[in-house]
């Protein structure tokens, strides 16, 4: 008997299957036939929801982005966490920990996927900046920071971080990475009018 599923349920089923296959076999090593067999659907059903394998990858990236922004928002809303620690946790929440994350990151860094890479960066900059800005405003009321430009400061930080700490954009040794991280924290303190050394906890996210 043919099983008829809700369109959204079927779409998510395809994404879940592709996600698992990309993690196991890699993006290039996974064929649309592999996805069809795993889900148990006809090719026409797959193409009803997605135009191509690349379209599936786009949808997966979008789903990850929603999860990341949601996680960041949840952390930011927890007023029981101190302001500086919340900033750290929000940034840490941007690390994709799903099984196929490495394959996805490798895929978007390919030259032919520059637009996809740009899409991820745009989502992070536009989605996370206002979340961080709200935490900074809270820090201002607590006397931790002193700046008339909380949003603009966080926008500068997100743009810089998304460029400099992107392995594809600026290749660095571990020593160079640590130096850039120290410089970033040093300058964030000045952007925010924070006490010198008060944000050095941020170095935790770089493993320093």
N, C-alpha and C. Protein backbone atom coordinates (compact mmCIF):
# COMPACT_ATOMS: atom_id res chain seq x y z
N UNK A 1 0.84 -1.20 0.00
CA UNK A 1 0.00 0.00 0.00
C UNK A 1 0.88 1.26 0.00
N UNK A 2 0.60 2.19 -0.87
CA UNK A 2 1.39 3.41 -1.00
C UNK A 2 1.14 4.33 0.18
N UNK A 3 2.23 4.79 0.78
CA UNK A 3 2.14 5.68 1.93
C UNK A 3 2.20 7.13 1.47
N UNK A 4 1.18 7.91 1.81
CA UNK A 4 1.14 9.32 1.44
C UNK A 4 1.47 10.14 2.67
N UNK A 5 2.50 10.98 2.57
CA UNK A 5 2.92 11.78 3.70
C UNK A 5 2.74 13.26 3.42
N UNK A 6 2.61 14.01 4.50
CA UNK A 6 2.52 15.46 4.41
C UNK A 6 3.79 15.98 3.73
N UNK A 7 3.64 17.04 2.91
CA UNK A 7 4.76 17.57 2.13
C UNK A 7 5.95 17.96 3.01
N UNK A 8 5.67 18.62 4.13
CA UNK A 8 6.75 19.05 5.02
C UNK A 8 7.44 17.85 5.67
N UNK A 9 6.64 16.85 6.02
CA UNK A 9 7.21 15.64 6.62
C UNK A 9 8.11 14.92 5.63
N UNK A 10 7.66 14.84 4.38
CA UNK A 10 8.45 14.18 3.35
C UNK A 10 9.73 14.96 3.06
N UNK A 11 9.62 16.27 3.03
CA UNK A 11 10.78 17.11 2.78
C UNK A 11 11.84 16.91 3.86
N UNK A 12 11.40 16.89 5.12
CA UNK A 12 12.34 16.69 6.22
C UNK A 12 12.93 15.29 6.20
N UNK A 13 12.15 14.33 5.76
CA UNK A 13 12.64 12.96 5.65
C UNK A 13 13.78 12.88 4.63
N UNK A 14 13.61 13.58 3.52
CA UNK A 14 14.66 13.63 2.49
C UNK A 14 15.91 14.31 3.04
N UNK A 15 15.72 15.43 3.74
CA UNK A 15 16.85 16.15 4.32
C UNK A 15 17.59 15.31 5.35
N UNK A 16 16.85 14.60 6.19
CA UNK A 16 17.47 13.74 7.21
C UNK A 16 18.31 12.65 6.55
N UNK A 17 17.77 12.06 5.50
CA UNK A 17 18.48 10.99 4.79
C UNK A 17 19.74 11.54 4.13
N UNK A 18 19.61 12.67 3.46
CA UNK A 18 20.76 13.29 2.79
C UNK A 18 21.82 13.68 3.80
N UNK A 19 21.39 14.22 4.93
CA UNK A 19 22.30 14.62 5.99
C UNK A 19 23.15 13.43 6.45
N UNK A 20 22.50 12.30 6.65
CA UNK A 20 23.20 11.09 7.09
C UNK A 20 24.15 10.57 6.01
N UNK A 21 23.69 10.60 4.78
CA UNK A 21 24.52 10.10 3.67
C UNK A 21 25.72 11.00 3.41
N UNK A 22 25.52 12.31 3.49
CA UNK A 22 26.63 13.25 3.29
C UNK A 22 27.71 13.02 4.36
N UNK A 23 27.26 12.72 5.59
CA UNK A 23 28.20 12.47 6.67
C UNK A 23 28.97 11.18 6.45
N UNK A 24 28.30 10.17 5.91
CA UNK A 24 28.91 8.85 5.70
C UNK A 24 29.78 8.80 4.45
N UNK A 25 29.26 9.34 3.36
CA UNK A 25 29.90 9.15 2.06
C UNK A 25 30.47 10.43 1.45
N UNK A 26 30.18 11.56 2.09
CA UNK A 26 30.60 12.82 1.51
C UNK A 26 29.59 13.31 0.50
N UNK A 27 29.62 14.61 0.21
CA UNK A 27 28.66 15.19 -0.73
C UNK A 27 28.86 14.63 -2.13
N UNK A 28 30.12 14.65 -2.60
CA UNK A 28 30.40 14.16 -3.94
C UNK A 28 30.18 12.66 -4.08
N UNK A 29 30.37 11.94 -2.96
CA UNK A 29 30.20 10.49 -3.00
C UNK A 29 28.77 10.02 -2.87
N UNK A 30 27.87 10.95 -2.61
CA UNK A 30 26.45 10.61 -2.48
C UNK A 30 25.71 10.96 -3.77
N UNK A 31 24.97 10.01 -4.30
CA UNK A 31 24.19 10.25 -5.51
C UNK A 31 22.73 10.45 -5.15
N UNK A 32 21.97 11.00 -6.09
CA UNK A 32 20.54 11.14 -5.84
C UNK A 32 19.89 9.77 -5.70
N UNK A 33 20.45 8.77 -6.39
CA UNK A 33 19.93 7.40 -6.25
C UNK A 33 20.09 6.89 -4.82
N UNK A 34 21.23 7.25 -4.20
CA UNK A 34 21.45 6.85 -2.80
C UNK A 34 20.34 7.42 -1.91
N UNK A 35 20.01 8.68 -2.16
CA UNK A 35 18.97 9.33 -1.36
C UNK A 35 17.61 8.70 -1.62
N UNK A 36 17.34 8.43 -2.89
CA UNK A 36 16.06 7.79 -3.25
C UNK A 36 15.90 6.45 -2.55
N UNK A 37 16.97 5.66 -2.56
CA UNK A 37 16.91 4.33 -1.96
C UNK A 37 16.74 4.41 -0.46
N UNK A 38 17.42 5.35 0.18
CA UNK A 38 17.34 5.47 1.63
C UNK A 38 15.95 5.91 2.09
N UNK A 39 15.37 6.83 1.34
CA UNK A 39 14.03 7.32 1.71
C UNK A 39 12.94 6.39 1.21
N UNK A 40 13.22 5.70 0.09
CA UNK A 40 12.23 4.80 -0.49
C UNK A 40 11.16 5.53 -1.27
N UNK A 41 11.60 6.50 -2.09
CA UNK A 41 10.66 7.29 -2.88
C UNK A 41 11.06 7.28 -4.35
N UNK A 42 10.14 7.72 -5.20
CA UNK A 42 10.40 7.81 -6.63
C UNK A 42 11.17 9.10 -6.92
N UNK A 43 11.87 9.11 -8.05
CA UNK A 43 12.65 10.29 -8.42
C UNK A 43 11.77 11.53 -8.55
N UNK A 44 10.57 11.36 -9.07
CA UNK A 44 9.67 12.48 -9.24
C UNK A 44 9.31 13.14 -7.91
N UNK A 45 9.19 12.32 -6.87
CA UNK A 45 8.89 12.85 -5.54
C UNK A 45 10.04 13.69 -5.02
N UNK A 46 11.27 13.20 -5.25
CA UNK A 46 12.44 13.96 -4.82
C UNK A 46 12.49 15.31 -5.52
N UNK A 47 12.30 15.30 -6.84
CA UNK A 47 12.39 16.54 -7.61
C UNK A 47 11.20 17.47 -7.38
N UNK A 48 10.14 16.95 -6.81
CA UNK A 48 9.02 17.80 -6.43
C UNK A 48 9.44 18.74 -5.31
N UNK A 49 10.30 18.21 -4.41
CA UNK A 49 10.74 18.99 -3.26
C UNK A 49 12.06 19.73 -3.50
N UNK A 50 12.96 19.12 -4.28
CA UNK A 50 14.28 19.68 -4.52
C UNK A 50 14.67 19.53 -5.98
N UNK A 51 15.26 20.59 -6.54
CA UNK A 51 15.63 20.57 -7.96
C UNK A 51 16.88 19.73 -8.21
N UNK A 52 17.76 19.63 -7.20
CA UNK A 52 19.04 18.94 -7.39
C UNK A 52 19.63 18.59 -6.04
N UNK A 53 20.75 17.87 -6.08
CA UNK A 53 21.48 17.54 -4.85
C UNK A 53 22.01 18.82 -4.21
N UNK A 54 22.42 19.78 -5.02
CA UNK A 54 22.91 21.06 -4.50
C UNK A 54 21.80 21.81 -3.78
N UNK A 55 20.58 21.68 -4.30
CA UNK A 55 19.42 22.31 -3.67
C UNK A 55 19.17 21.71 -2.29
N UNK A 56 19.41 20.41 -2.17
CA UNK A 56 19.27 19.73 -0.88
C UNK A 56 20.31 20.27 0.09
N UNK A 57 21.54 20.43 -0.39
CA UNK A 57 22.59 20.98 0.45
C UNK A 57 22.23 22.39 0.92
N UNK A 58 21.68 23.20 0.04
CA UNK A 58 21.24 24.55 0.41
C UNK A 58 20.22 24.49 1.53
N UNK A 59 19.28 23.57 1.40
CA UNK A 59 18.21 23.44 2.40
C UNK A 59 18.78 22.97 3.74
N UNK A 60 19.77 22.09 3.70
CA UNK A 60 20.42 21.64 4.93
C UNK A 60 21.13 22.80 5.62
N UNK A 61 21.82 23.61 4.83
CA UNK A 61 22.52 24.78 5.39
C UNK A 61 21.51 25.74 6.02
N UNK A 62 20.39 25.93 5.36
CA UNK A 62 19.35 26.79 5.90
C UNK A 62 18.83 26.24 7.22
N UNK A 63 18.65 24.93 7.28
CA UNK A 63 18.15 24.30 8.51
C UNK A 63 19.17 24.44 9.63
N UNK A 64 20.45 24.26 9.33
CA UNK A 64 21.50 24.45 10.32
C UNK A 64 21.51 25.89 10.82
N UNK A 65 21.36 26.83 9.90
CA UNK A 65 21.39 28.25 10.27
C UNK A 65 20.27 28.58 11.25
N UNK A 66 19.08 28.05 10.99
CA UNK A 66 17.94 28.28 11.88
C UNK A 66 18.24 27.72 13.27
N UNK A 67 18.84 26.52 13.31
CA UNK A 67 19.19 25.91 14.60
C UNK A 67 20.22 26.75 15.34
N UNK A 68 21.23 27.24 14.61
CA UNK A 68 22.29 28.02 15.23
C UNK A 68 21.76 29.32 15.81
N UNK A 69 20.96 30.03 15.03
CA UNK A 69 20.39 31.29 15.50
C UNK A 69 19.47 31.04 16.69
N UNK A 70 18.70 29.97 16.62
CA UNK A 70 17.80 29.61 17.72
C UNK A 70 18.56 29.32 19.00
N UNK A 71 19.67 28.58 18.87
CA UNK A 71 20.50 28.26 20.04
C UNK A 71 21.10 29.53 20.62
N UNK A 72 21.55 30.43 19.75
CA UNK A 72 22.13 31.69 20.21
C UNK A 72 21.09 32.54 20.94
N UNK A 73 19.88 32.57 20.42
CA UNK A 73 18.79 33.34 21.04
C UNK A 73 18.44 32.78 22.42
N UNK A 74 18.42 31.46 22.52
CA UNK A 74 18.08 30.81 23.79
C UNK A 74 19.11 31.15 24.86
N UNK A 75 20.38 31.12 24.48
CA UNK A 75 21.46 31.45 25.43
C UNK A 75 21.36 32.92 25.83
N UNK A 76 21.15 33.78 24.86
CA UNK A 76 21.10 35.22 25.12
C UNK A 76 19.95 35.58 26.07
N UNK A 77 18.89 34.80 26.03
CA UNK A 77 17.71 35.10 26.85
C UNK A 77 17.87 34.63 28.31
N UNK A 78 18.90 33.84 28.59
CA UNK A 78 19.10 33.30 29.94
C UNK A 78 19.82 34.32 30.80
N UNK A 79 19.05 35.12 31.52
CA UNK A 79 19.63 36.20 32.32
C UNK A 79 20.38 35.69 33.56
N UNK A 80 20.30 34.38 33.83
CA UNK A 80 21.05 33.84 34.97
C UNK A 80 22.53 33.69 34.64
N UNK A 81 22.87 33.77 33.34
CA UNK A 81 24.26 33.67 32.90
C UNK A 81 24.85 35.08 32.84
N UNK A 82 26.02 35.31 33.44
CA UNK A 82 26.64 36.64 33.40
C UNK A 82 26.85 37.11 31.96
N UNK A 83 26.84 38.41 31.77
CA UNK A 83 26.91 39.01 30.44
C UNK A 83 28.10 38.52 29.62
N UNK A 84 29.31 38.60 30.18
CA UNK A 84 30.49 38.19 29.42
C UNK A 84 30.43 36.72 29.06
N UNK A 85 30.00 35.88 30.00
CA UNK A 85 29.90 34.45 29.72
C UNK A 85 28.85 34.18 28.64
N UNK A 86 27.78 34.97 28.65
CA UNK A 86 26.74 34.81 27.63
C UNK A 86 27.28 35.13 26.24
N UNK A 87 28.11 36.16 26.14
CA UNK A 87 28.72 36.52 24.86
C UNK A 87 29.53 35.34 24.34
N UNK A 88 30.33 34.74 25.23
CA UNK A 88 31.15 33.60 24.86
C UNK A 88 30.28 32.45 24.38
N UNK A 89 29.24 32.15 25.14
CA UNK A 89 28.38 31.00 24.82
C UNK A 89 27.62 31.20 23.51
N UNK A 90 27.21 32.44 23.26
CA UNK A 90 26.52 32.72 21.99
C UNK A 90 27.45 32.43 20.82
N UNK A 91 28.69 32.91 20.92
CA UNK A 91 29.65 32.68 19.83
C UNK A 91 29.98 31.20 19.70
N UNK A 92 30.11 30.50 20.85
CA UNK A 92 30.38 29.07 20.82
C UNK A 92 29.24 28.29 20.18
N UNK A 93 28.02 28.80 20.33
CA UNK A 93 26.84 28.13 19.77
C UNK A 93 26.85 28.13 18.25
N UNK A 94 27.70 28.95 17.65
CA UNK A 94 27.77 29.03 16.20
C UNK A 94 28.57 27.88 15.59
N UNK A 95 29.19 27.05 16.44
CA UNK A 95 29.92 25.89 15.94
C UNK A 95 28.93 24.80 15.58
N UNK A 96 28.92 24.36 14.31
CA UNK A 96 28.03 23.29 13.89
C UNK A 96 28.61 21.97 14.36
N UNK A 97 27.83 21.22 15.14
CA UNK A 97 28.34 19.96 15.68
C UNK A 97 27.69 18.75 15.06
N UNK A 98 26.86 18.95 14.07
CA UNK A 98 26.21 17.83 13.42
C UNK A 98 27.22 16.95 12.68
N UNK A 99 26.90 15.68 12.52
CA UNK A 99 27.83 14.72 11.94
C UNK A 99 28.36 15.08 10.57
N UNK A 100 27.57 15.75 9.76
CA UNK A 100 28.00 16.06 8.40
C UNK A 100 28.56 17.47 8.27
N UNK A 101 28.80 18.13 9.40
CA UNK A 101 29.24 19.53 9.35
C UNK A 101 30.53 19.71 8.56
N UNK A 102 31.50 18.81 8.75
CA UNK A 102 32.77 18.95 8.05
C UNK A 102 32.57 18.89 6.55
N UNK A 103 31.73 17.97 6.10
CA UNK A 103 31.45 17.84 4.67
C UNK A 103 30.78 19.11 4.14
N UNK A 104 29.86 19.65 4.91
CA UNK A 104 29.15 20.86 4.50
C UNK A 104 30.12 22.04 4.41
N UNK A 105 31.00 22.17 5.42
CA UNK A 105 31.97 23.26 5.41
C UNK A 105 32.93 23.14 4.23
N UNK A 106 33.38 21.90 3.94
CA UNK A 106 34.27 21.69 2.80
C UNK A 106 33.54 22.02 1.49
N UNK A 107 32.28 21.66 1.43
CA UNK A 107 31.49 21.89 0.22
C UNK A 107 31.33 23.38 -0.06
N UNK A 108 30.98 24.16 0.96
CA UNK A 108 30.73 25.58 0.72
C UNK A 108 32.01 26.36 0.47
N UNK A 109 33.17 25.78 0.81
CA UNK A 109 34.43 26.47 0.57
C UNK A 109 35.00 26.22 -0.82
N UNK A 110 34.33 25.40 -1.60
CA UNK A 110 34.79 25.18 -2.97
C UNK A 110 34.50 26.44 -3.79
N UNK A 111 35.38 26.80 -4.73
CA UNK A 111 35.21 28.03 -5.52
C UNK A 111 33.83 28.13 -6.17
N UNK A 112 33.31 26.99 -6.66
CA UNK A 112 32.02 27.04 -7.36
C UNK A 112 30.85 27.27 -6.40
N UNK A 113 31.13 27.22 -5.10
CA UNK A 113 30.05 27.41 -4.12
C UNK A 113 30.24 28.71 -3.32
N UNK A 114 30.89 29.67 -3.95
CA UNK A 114 31.14 30.95 -3.27
C UNK A 114 29.84 31.61 -2.83
N UNK A 115 28.79 31.48 -3.64
CA UNK A 115 27.51 32.10 -3.29
C UNK A 115 26.92 31.45 -2.04
N UNK A 116 27.07 30.13 -1.92
CA UNK A 116 26.58 29.41 -0.76
C UNK A 116 27.34 29.83 0.50
N UNK A 117 28.65 30.00 0.33
CA UNK A 117 29.51 30.45 1.42
C UNK A 117 29.07 31.83 1.89
N UNK A 118 28.82 32.70 0.92
CA UNK A 118 28.37 34.06 1.23
C UNK A 118 27.03 34.04 1.96
N UNK A 119 26.18 33.10 1.58
CA UNK A 119 24.86 32.98 2.20
C UNK A 119 24.98 32.65 3.69
N UNK A 120 25.88 31.72 4.02
CA UNK A 120 26.11 31.35 5.42
C UNK A 120 26.61 32.55 6.21
N UNK A 121 27.58 33.27 5.64
CA UNK A 121 28.14 34.43 6.32
C UNK A 121 27.08 35.51 6.54
N UNK A 122 26.24 35.71 5.54
CA UNK A 122 25.18 36.72 5.64
C UNK A 122 24.20 36.37 6.75
N UNK A 123 23.83 35.09 6.83
CA UNK A 123 22.90 34.63 7.87
C UNK A 123 23.49 34.88 9.25
N UNK A 124 24.77 34.53 9.42
CA UNK A 124 25.41 34.69 10.72
C UNK A 124 25.55 36.17 11.11
N UNK A 125 26.00 36.98 10.16
CA UNK A 125 26.20 38.41 10.47
C UNK A 125 24.87 39.09 10.78
N UNK A 126 23.87 38.86 9.94
CA UNK A 126 22.57 39.52 10.14
C UNK A 126 21.77 38.93 11.28
N UNK A 127 21.99 37.63 11.55
CA UNK A 127 21.21 36.96 12.60
C UNK A 127 21.81 37.09 13.98
N UNK A 128 23.14 37.04 14.08
CA UNK A 128 23.79 37.03 15.39
C UNK A 128 24.10 38.44 15.91
N UNK A 129 24.37 39.37 15.01
CA UNK A 129 24.71 40.73 15.44
C UNK A 129 23.65 41.34 16.37
N UNK A 130 22.36 41.31 16.03
CA UNK A 130 21.38 41.90 16.96
C UNK A 130 21.28 41.15 18.29
N UNK A 131 21.54 39.85 18.28
CA UNK A 131 21.53 39.07 19.52
C UNK A 131 22.65 39.54 20.44
N UNK A 132 23.84 39.67 19.88
CA UNK A 132 24.98 40.15 20.67
C UNK A 132 24.79 41.60 21.10
N UNK A 133 24.22 42.41 20.22
CA UNK A 133 24.01 43.83 20.54
C UNK A 133 23.09 43.98 21.77
N UNK A 134 22.07 43.13 21.86
CA UNK A 134 21.17 43.18 23.02
C UNK A 134 21.91 42.84 24.31
N UNK A 135 22.83 41.87 24.23
CA UNK A 135 23.61 41.53 25.42
C UNK A 135 24.52 42.69 25.79
N UNK A 136 25.10 43.35 24.79
CA UNK A 136 25.97 44.50 25.06
C UNK A 136 25.18 45.62 25.73
N UNK A 137 23.94 45.85 25.27
CA UNK A 137 23.09 46.89 25.87
C UNK A 137 22.84 46.57 27.35
N UNK A 138 22.65 45.29 27.62
CA UNK A 138 22.46 44.87 29.01
C UNK A 138 23.72 45.14 29.81
N UNK A 139 24.89 44.88 29.18
CA UNK A 139 26.16 45.14 29.84
C UNK A 139 26.36 46.62 30.11
N UNK A 140 25.83 47.45 29.22
CA UNK A 140 25.93 48.91 29.40
C UNK A 140 25.16 49.34 30.64
N UNK A 141 23.97 48.78 30.82
CA UNK A 141 23.16 49.13 32.00
C UNK A 141 23.82 48.65 33.29
N UNK A 142 24.65 47.61 33.18
CA UNK A 142 25.34 47.08 34.37
C UNK A 142 26.68 47.78 34.60
N UNK A 143 27.03 48.71 33.70
CA UNK A 143 28.29 49.43 33.86
C UNK A 143 29.51 48.68 33.36
N UNK A 144 29.29 47.58 32.64
CA UNK A 144 30.41 46.79 32.11
C UNK A 144 30.98 47.40 30.84
N UNK A 145 30.10 48.02 30.05
CA UNK A 145 30.50 48.60 28.77
C UNK A 145 30.06 50.06 28.70
N UNK A 146 30.70 50.79 27.80
CA UNK A 146 30.35 52.20 27.62
C UNK A 146 30.54 52.56 26.15
N UNK A 147 29.47 52.41 25.37
CA UNK A 147 29.52 52.75 23.95
C UNK A 147 28.13 53.17 23.48
N UNK A 148 28.07 54.18 22.61
CA UNK A 148 26.78 54.58 22.03
C UNK A 148 26.43 53.74 20.80
N UNK A 149 27.31 52.80 20.44
CA UNK A 149 27.10 52.03 19.21
C UNK A 149 27.18 50.51 19.46
N UNK A 150 26.30 49.96 20.28
CA UNK A 150 26.37 48.51 20.57
C UNK A 150 26.17 47.64 19.33
N UNK A 151 25.22 48.01 18.48
CA UNK A 151 24.96 47.20 17.28
C UNK A 151 26.13 47.29 16.30
N UNK A 152 26.56 48.51 16.04
CA UNK A 152 27.63 48.71 15.07
C UNK A 152 28.93 48.03 15.53
N UNK A 153 29.20 48.07 16.83
CA UNK A 153 30.40 47.40 17.36
C UNK A 153 30.34 45.90 17.09
N UNK A 154 29.19 45.29 17.37
CA UNK A 154 29.06 43.85 17.17
C UNK A 154 29.05 43.48 15.69
N UNK A 155 28.53 44.38 14.86
CA UNK A 155 28.55 44.16 13.42
C UNK A 155 30.00 44.12 12.92
N UNK A 156 30.82 45.06 13.40
CA UNK A 156 32.24 45.09 13.03
C UNK A 156 32.93 43.80 13.46
N UNK A 157 32.63 43.36 14.68
CA UNK A 157 33.25 42.14 15.22
C UNK A 157 32.85 40.92 14.39
N UNK A 158 31.56 40.80 14.07
CA UNK A 158 31.08 39.64 13.31
C UNK A 158 31.67 39.61 11.91
N UNK A 159 31.75 40.77 11.27
CA UNK A 159 32.31 40.82 9.92
C UNK A 159 33.79 40.45 9.94
N UNK A 160 34.51 40.99 10.91
CA UNK A 160 35.94 40.68 11.02
C UNK A 160 36.14 39.20 11.31
N UNK A 161 35.41 38.68 12.30
CA UNK A 161 35.56 37.28 12.70
C UNK A 161 35.21 36.34 11.56
N UNK A 162 34.16 36.67 10.80
CA UNK A 162 33.74 35.81 9.70
C UNK A 162 34.72 35.83 8.54
N UNK A 163 35.59 36.83 8.52
CA UNK A 163 36.59 36.93 7.46
C UNK A 163 37.93 36.34 7.90
N UNK A 164 38.45 36.86 9.00
CA UNK A 164 39.77 36.47 9.47
C UNK A 164 39.81 35.03 9.96
N UNK A 165 38.76 34.59 10.65
CA UNK A 165 38.78 33.24 11.22
C UNK A 165 38.14 32.21 10.30
N UNK A 166 38.01 32.56 9.04
CA UNK A 166 37.56 31.63 8.02
C UNK A 166 38.81 31.05 7.36
N UNK A 167 39.04 29.75 7.54
CA UNK A 167 40.28 29.13 7.03
C UNK A 167 40.48 29.35 5.54
N UNK A 168 39.37 29.48 4.82
CA UNK A 168 39.46 29.63 3.37
C UNK A 168 39.89 31.04 2.97
N UNK A 169 39.57 32.01 3.80
CA UNK A 169 39.86 33.40 3.48
C UNK A 169 41.29 33.79 3.86
N UNK A 170 41.67 33.45 5.09
CA UNK A 170 42.99 33.83 5.60
C UNK A 170 43.66 32.61 6.25
N UNK A 171 44.46 31.86 5.49
CA UNK A 171 45.15 30.70 6.07
C UNK A 171 46.13 31.17 7.14
N UNK A 172 46.08 30.52 8.34
CA UNK A 172 46.95 30.92 9.44
C UNK A 172 47.46 29.71 10.19
N UNK A 173 48.63 29.86 10.80
CA UNK A 173 49.13 28.85 11.71
C UNK A 173 48.40 29.02 13.04
N UNK A 174 48.55 28.06 13.95
CA UNK A 174 47.92 28.16 15.26
C UNK A 174 48.43 29.38 16.02
N UNK A 175 49.72 29.67 15.84
CA UNK A 175 50.30 30.83 16.52
C UNK A 175 49.70 32.13 15.99
N UNK A 176 49.55 32.20 14.68
CA UNK A 176 48.96 33.40 14.06
C UNK A 176 47.49 33.55 14.46
N UNK A 177 46.79 32.42 14.56
CA UNK A 177 45.39 32.44 14.98
C UNK A 177 45.27 32.99 16.40
N UNK A 178 46.15 32.52 17.30
CA UNK A 178 46.13 32.98 18.68
C UNK A 178 46.42 34.48 18.76
N UNK A 179 47.35 34.94 17.94
CA UNK A 179 47.71 36.36 17.92
C UNK A 179 46.53 37.21 17.44
N UNK A 180 45.85 36.75 16.38
CA UNK A 180 44.67 37.47 15.87
C UNK A 180 43.57 37.51 16.93
N UNK A 181 43.38 36.38 17.62
CA UNK A 181 42.34 36.31 18.64
C UNK A 181 42.62 37.30 19.77
N UNK A 182 43.87 37.37 20.21
CA UNK A 182 44.24 38.31 21.25
C UNK A 182 44.00 39.75 20.79
N UNK A 183 44.37 40.03 19.55
CA UNK A 183 44.17 41.38 19.01
C UNK A 183 42.68 41.72 18.93
N UNK A 184 41.87 40.71 18.55
CA UNK A 184 40.43 40.94 18.45
C UNK A 184 39.84 41.29 19.81
N UNK A 185 40.17 40.49 20.83
CA UNK A 185 39.65 40.75 22.17
C UNK A 185 40.13 42.11 22.69
N UNK A 186 41.40 42.41 22.45
CA UNK A 186 41.98 43.70 22.87
C UNK A 186 41.18 44.86 22.28
N UNK A 187 40.85 44.74 21.00
CA UNK A 187 40.13 45.83 20.32
C UNK A 187 38.64 45.85 20.64
N UNK A 188 38.06 44.68 20.94
CA UNK A 188 36.66 44.65 21.35
C UNK A 188 36.49 45.42 22.65
N UNK A 189 37.43 45.21 23.58
CA UNK A 189 37.36 45.92 24.86
C UNK A 189 37.35 47.43 24.64
N UNK A 190 38.13 47.90 23.68
CA UNK A 190 38.18 49.33 23.40
C UNK A 190 36.94 49.81 22.65
N UNK A 191 36.44 49.00 21.74
CA UNK A 191 35.20 49.35 21.04
C UNK A 191 34.05 49.52 22.02
N UNK A 192 34.01 48.62 23.02
CA UNK A 192 32.89 48.63 23.96
C UNK A 192 33.13 49.51 25.17
N UNK A 193 34.33 50.07 25.28
CA UNK A 193 34.63 50.87 26.46
C UNK A 193 34.68 50.02 27.71
N UNK A 194 35.14 48.78 27.55
CA UNK A 194 35.22 47.85 28.69
C UNK A 194 36.56 47.99 29.40
N UNK A 195 36.59 47.54 30.65
CA UNK A 195 37.83 47.56 31.41
C UNK A 195 38.85 46.65 30.75
N UNK A 196 40.10 47.08 30.68
CA UNK A 196 41.16 46.30 30.04
C UNK A 196 41.31 44.94 30.72
N UNK A 197 41.26 43.89 29.90
CA UNK A 197 41.40 42.52 30.42
C UNK A 197 40.09 41.87 30.80
N UNK A 198 39.00 42.64 30.83
CA UNK A 198 37.73 42.09 31.30
C UNK A 198 37.10 41.08 30.35
N UNK A 199 37.50 41.12 29.08
CA UNK A 199 36.92 40.20 28.10
C UNK A 199 37.88 39.08 27.68
N UNK A 200 38.99 38.94 28.40
CA UNK A 200 39.95 37.92 27.99
C UNK A 200 39.41 36.51 28.13
N UNK A 201 38.28 36.36 28.85
CA UNK A 201 37.63 35.05 28.91
C UNK A 201 37.23 34.58 27.52
N UNK A 202 37.02 35.55 26.62
CA UNK A 202 36.61 35.22 25.25
C UNK A 202 37.64 34.32 24.59
N UNK A 203 38.89 34.37 25.05
CA UNK A 203 39.94 33.54 24.48
C UNK A 203 39.64 32.06 24.63
N UNK A 204 38.77 31.71 25.56
CA UNK A 204 38.40 30.30 25.77
C UNK A 204 37.86 29.69 24.48
N UNK A 205 37.13 30.47 23.71
CA UNK A 205 36.51 29.92 22.51
C UNK A 205 37.53 29.60 21.43
N UNK A 206 38.75 30.13 21.57
CA UNK A 206 39.82 29.83 20.61
C UNK A 206 40.75 28.75 21.15
N UNK A 207 40.40 28.20 22.33
CA UNK A 207 41.21 27.16 22.92
C UNK A 207 42.50 27.67 23.51
N UNK A 208 42.55 28.99 23.81
CA UNK A 208 43.77 29.58 24.36
C UNK A 208 43.61 29.78 25.86
